[in-house]
Amino acid sequence: MEITIKDLEKDLKSLPTELLQQVSDYVAFLKFKHRQDSNDMRLEDWQKEILDERLLYLEKNPNNTLDFDNTIAELKKKYS
């Protein structure tokens, strides 16, 4: 049996509202994974906004940067 949009809508409507964010996150993950698999590397609008903010910050603060090696070391320290 093939799943239709109506089937998915019915399933979504039956979920408790507190689970909808998790469903939305999973759908975003699936879309991201599909783009990776299809080599479609277009950025989402929210990703472009973050990059624009970072570029603007860099233009305003050109001396407040880390080189690549220090950036990697900071990230490893923070997330390891």
N, C-alpha and C. Protein backbone atom coordinates (compact mmCIF):
# COMPACT_ATOMS: atom_id res chain seq x y z
N MET A 1 0.83 -1.18 0.00
CA MET A 1 0.00 0.00 0.00
C MET A 1 0.88 1.24 0.00
N GLU A 2 0.62 2.14 -0.90
CA GLU A 2 1.39 3.37 -0.99
C GLU A 2 0.83 4.41 -0.01
N ILE A 3 1.73 5.09 0.69
CA ILE A 3 1.31 6.11 1.64
C ILE A 3 1.06 7.41 0.89
N THR A 4 -0.04 8.03 1.20
CA THR A 4 -0.40 9.29 0.54
C THR A 4 -0.23 10.46 1.52
N ILE A 5 -0.32 11.66 0.98
CA ILE A 5 -0.27 12.87 1.81
C ILE A 5 -1.42 12.85 2.82
N LYS A 6 -2.58 12.40 2.37
CA LYS A 6 -3.73 12.32 3.28
C LYS A 6 -3.46 11.38 4.45
N ASP A 7 -2.79 10.26 4.17
CA ASP A 7 -2.42 9.33 5.25
C ASP A 7 -1.51 10.02 6.26
N LEU A 8 -0.53 10.73 5.75
CA LEU A 8 0.39 11.44 6.62
C LEU A 8 -0.32 12.53 7.42
N GLU A 9 -1.21 13.26 6.76
CA GLU A 9 -1.98 14.29 7.47
C GLU A 9 -2.79 13.68 8.60
N LYS A 10 -3.42 12.55 8.33
CA LYS A 10 -4.22 11.87 9.35
C LYS A 10 -3.33 11.46 10.53
N ASP A 11 -2.16 10.91 10.22
CA ASP A 11 -1.23 10.52 11.28
C ASP A 11 -0.76 11.73 12.08
N LEU A 12 -0.44 12.82 11.40
CA LEU A 12 0.01 14.03 12.09
C LEU A 12 -1.07 14.59 13.01
N LYS A 13 -2.29 14.60 12.55
CA LYS A 13 -3.40 15.12 13.35
C LYS A 13 -3.67 14.26 14.59
N SER A 14 -3.26 13.00 14.55
CA SER A 14 -3.49 12.12 15.69
C SER A 14 -2.38 12.22 16.74
N LEU A 15 -1.29 12.92 16.41
CA LEU A 15 -0.18 13.04 17.36
C LEU A 15 -0.46 14.11 18.41
N PRO A 16 0.09 13.92 19.61
CA PRO A 16 0.04 15.00 20.59
C PRO A 16 0.84 16.19 20.07
N THR A 17 0.39 17.40 20.35
CA THR A 17 1.04 18.59 19.80
C THR A 17 2.50 18.70 20.23
N GLU A 18 2.84 18.16 21.40
CA GLU A 18 4.23 18.27 21.85
C GLU A 18 5.20 17.44 21.00
N LEU A 19 4.69 16.55 20.15
CA LEU A 19 5.56 15.76 19.27
C LEU A 19 5.74 16.39 17.90
N LEU A 20 4.95 17.41 17.58
CA LEU A 20 5.01 17.98 16.24
C LEU A 20 6.37 18.60 15.93
N GLN A 21 7.04 19.20 16.94
CA GLN A 21 8.36 19.77 16.69
C GLN A 21 9.35 18.67 16.31
N GLN A 22 9.25 17.52 16.95
CA GLN A 22 10.14 16.41 16.62
C GLN A 22 9.89 15.92 15.19
N VAL A 23 8.63 15.87 14.81
CA VAL A 23 8.29 15.46 13.45
C VAL A 23 8.87 16.47 12.45
N SER A 24 8.69 17.74 12.75
CA SER A 24 9.22 18.79 11.88
C SER A 24 10.74 18.69 11.75
N ASP A 25 11.42 18.45 12.87
CA ASP A 25 12.88 18.28 12.85
C ASP A 25 13.28 17.09 11.99
N TYR A 26 12.53 16.01 12.10
CA TYR A 26 12.85 14.81 11.32
C TYR A 26 12.63 15.05 9.83
N VAL A 27 11.57 15.75 9.50
CA VAL A 27 11.31 16.08 8.09
C VAL A 27 12.46 16.95 7.56
N ALA A 28 12.91 17.93 8.35
CA ALA A 28 14.04 18.77 7.94
C ALA A 28 15.29 17.91 7.73
N PHE A 29 15.51 16.94 8.62
CA PHE A 29 16.64 16.03 8.46
C PHE A 29 16.53 15.22 7.17
N LEU A 30 15.34 14.69 6.89
CA LEU A 30 15.14 13.91 5.67
C LEU A 30 15.40 14.75 4.42
N LYS A 31 14.92 16.00 4.44
CA LYS A 31 15.16 16.88 3.30
C LYS A 31 16.65 17.14 3.13
N PHE A 32 17.35 17.38 4.24
CA PHE A 32 18.79 17.60 4.20
C PHE A 32 19.50 16.37 3.66
N LYS A 33 19.14 15.19 4.17
CA LYS A 33 19.76 13.94 3.73
C LYS A 33 19.51 13.71 2.24
N HIS A 34 18.30 13.99 1.78
CA HIS A 34 17.99 13.81 0.37
C HIS A 34 18.85 14.74 -0.50
N ARG A 35 19.01 15.99 -0.05
CA ARG A 35 19.85 16.92 -0.81
C ARG A 35 21.29 16.42 -0.85
N GLN A 36 21.77 15.87 0.26
CA GLN A 36 23.13 15.33 0.30
C GLN A 36 23.26 14.17 -0.68
N ASP A 37 22.28 13.28 -0.66
CA ASP A 37 22.30 12.11 -1.53
C ASP A 37 22.21 12.48 -3.00
N SER A 38 21.49 13.57 -3.29
CA SER A 38 21.31 13.96 -4.68
C SER A 38 22.34 15.01 -5.12
N ASN A 39 23.30 15.30 -4.25
CA ASN A 39 24.33 16.32 -4.52
C ASN A 39 23.74 17.69 -4.77
N ASP A 40 22.57 17.95 -4.26
CA ASP A 40 21.94 19.27 -4.35
C ASP A 40 22.39 20.06 -3.12
N MET A 41 23.33 20.94 -3.30
CA MET A 41 23.94 21.61 -2.17
C MET A 41 23.41 23.04 -1.99
N ARG A 42 22.21 23.30 -2.45
CA ARG A 42 21.62 24.63 -2.26
C ARG A 42 21.40 24.89 -0.78
N LEU A 43 21.61 26.13 -0.37
CA LEU A 43 21.40 26.50 1.02
C LEU A 43 19.96 26.92 1.24
N GLU A 44 19.47 26.62 2.43
CA GLU A 44 18.15 27.08 2.84
C GLU A 44 18.24 28.57 3.16
N ASP A 45 17.11 29.26 3.15
CA ASP A 45 17.11 30.70 3.45
C ASP A 45 17.67 30.98 4.84
N TRP A 46 17.33 30.17 5.84
CA TRP A 46 17.84 30.40 7.18
C TRP A 46 19.35 30.24 7.24
N GLN A 47 19.92 29.35 6.42
CA GLN A 47 21.36 29.18 6.38
C GLN A 47 22.02 30.40 5.74
N LYS A 48 21.40 30.92 4.70
CA LYS A 48 21.92 32.13 4.05
C LYS A 48 21.90 33.31 5.02
N GLU A 49 20.85 33.41 5.83
CA GLU A 49 20.75 34.50 6.80
C GLU A 49 21.89 34.42 7.83
N ILE A 50 22.18 33.22 8.30
CA ILE A 50 23.28 33.05 9.26
C ILE A 50 24.60 33.45 8.62
N LEU A 51 24.83 33.02 7.39
CA LEU A 51 26.07 33.39 6.71
C LEU A 51 26.17 34.89 6.50
N ASP A 52 25.07 35.52 6.13
CA ASP A 52 25.06 36.98 5.97
C ASP A 52 25.41 37.68 7.28
N GLU A 53 24.83 37.20 8.38
CA GLU A 53 25.13 37.78 9.70
C GLU A 53 26.60 37.63 10.04
N ARG A 54 27.16 36.47 9.77
CA ARG A 54 28.56 36.22 10.08
C ARG A 54 29.49 37.07 9.21
N LEU A 55 29.14 37.22 7.94
CA LEU A 55 29.96 38.07 7.07
C LEU A 55 29.91 39.53 7.51
N LEU A 56 28.74 40.00 7.90
CA LEU A 56 28.60 41.36 8.39
C LEU A 56 29.42 41.56 9.66
N TYR A 57 29.37 40.58 10.57
CA TYR A 57 30.16 40.65 11.79
C TYR A 57 31.65 40.72 11.45
N LEU A 58 32.08 39.89 10.51
CA LEU A 58 33.48 39.87 10.11
C LEU A 58 33.91 41.21 9.52
N GLU A 59 33.05 41.82 8.70
CA GLU A 59 33.36 43.13 8.12
C GLU A 59 33.52 44.19 9.21
N LYS A 60 32.68 44.11 10.25
CA LYS A 60 32.72 45.09 11.34
C LYS A 60 33.85 44.80 12.32
N ASN A 61 34.28 43.54 12.40
CA ASN A 61 35.28 43.13 13.38
C ASN A 61 36.38 42.29 12.71
N PRO A 62 37.13 42.87 11.79
CA PRO A 62 38.10 42.07 11.02
C PRO A 62 39.23 41.49 11.86
N ASN A 63 39.52 42.07 13.02
CA ASN A 63 40.61 41.57 13.85
C ASN A 63 40.14 40.57 14.90
N ASN A 64 38.86 40.32 14.98
CA ASN A 64 38.31 39.41 15.97
C ASN A 64 38.03 38.05 15.32
N THR A 65 39.09 37.41 14.87
CA THR A 65 38.95 36.13 14.17
C THR A 65 39.96 35.12 14.71
N LEU A 66 39.74 33.86 14.42
CA LEU A 66 40.68 32.79 14.71
C LEU A 66 41.08 32.14 13.40
N ASP A 67 42.33 31.69 13.32
CA ASP A 67 42.71 30.94 12.13
C ASP A 67 42.08 29.55 12.19
N PHE A 68 42.18 28.82 11.12
CA PHE A 68 41.50 27.53 11.01
C PHE A 68 41.91 26.56 12.12
N ASP A 69 43.22 26.41 12.36
CA ASP A 69 43.68 25.46 13.37
C ASP A 69 43.17 25.81 14.76
N ASN A 70 43.19 27.09 15.11
CA ASN A 70 42.68 27.50 16.41
C ASN A 70 41.17 27.32 16.50
N THR A 71 40.47 27.55 15.41
CA THR A 71 39.03 27.34 15.39
C THR A 71 38.70 25.87 15.65
N ILE A 72 39.40 24.98 14.96
CA ILE A 72 39.18 23.54 15.16
C ILE A 72 39.50 23.14 16.60
N ALA A 73 40.58 23.66 17.15
CA ALA A 73 40.95 23.35 18.53
C ALA A 73 39.87 23.83 19.50
N GLU A 74 39.34 25.04 19.28
CA GLU A 74 38.27 25.56 20.14
C GLU A 74 37.02 24.70 20.05
N LEU A 75 36.65 24.29 18.84
CA LEU A 75 35.48 23.45 18.66
C LEU A 75 35.64 22.08 19.33
N LYS A 76 36.81 21.50 19.18
CA LYS A 76 37.07 20.20 19.82
C LYS A 76 36.99 20.33 21.33
N LYS A 77 37.56 21.42 21.85
CA LYS A 77 37.52 21.65 23.30
C LYS A 77 36.08 21.80 23.79
N LYS A 78 35.29 22.53 23.01
CA LYS A 78 33.92 22.81 23.41
C LYS A 78 33.02 21.58 23.29
N TYR A 79 33.19 20.79 22.24
CA TYR A 79 32.24 19.71 21.95
C TYR A 79 32.76 18.29 22.19
N SER A 80 33.96 18.17 22.72
CA SER A 80 34.48 16.82 23.00
C SER A 80 34.27 16.44 24.43
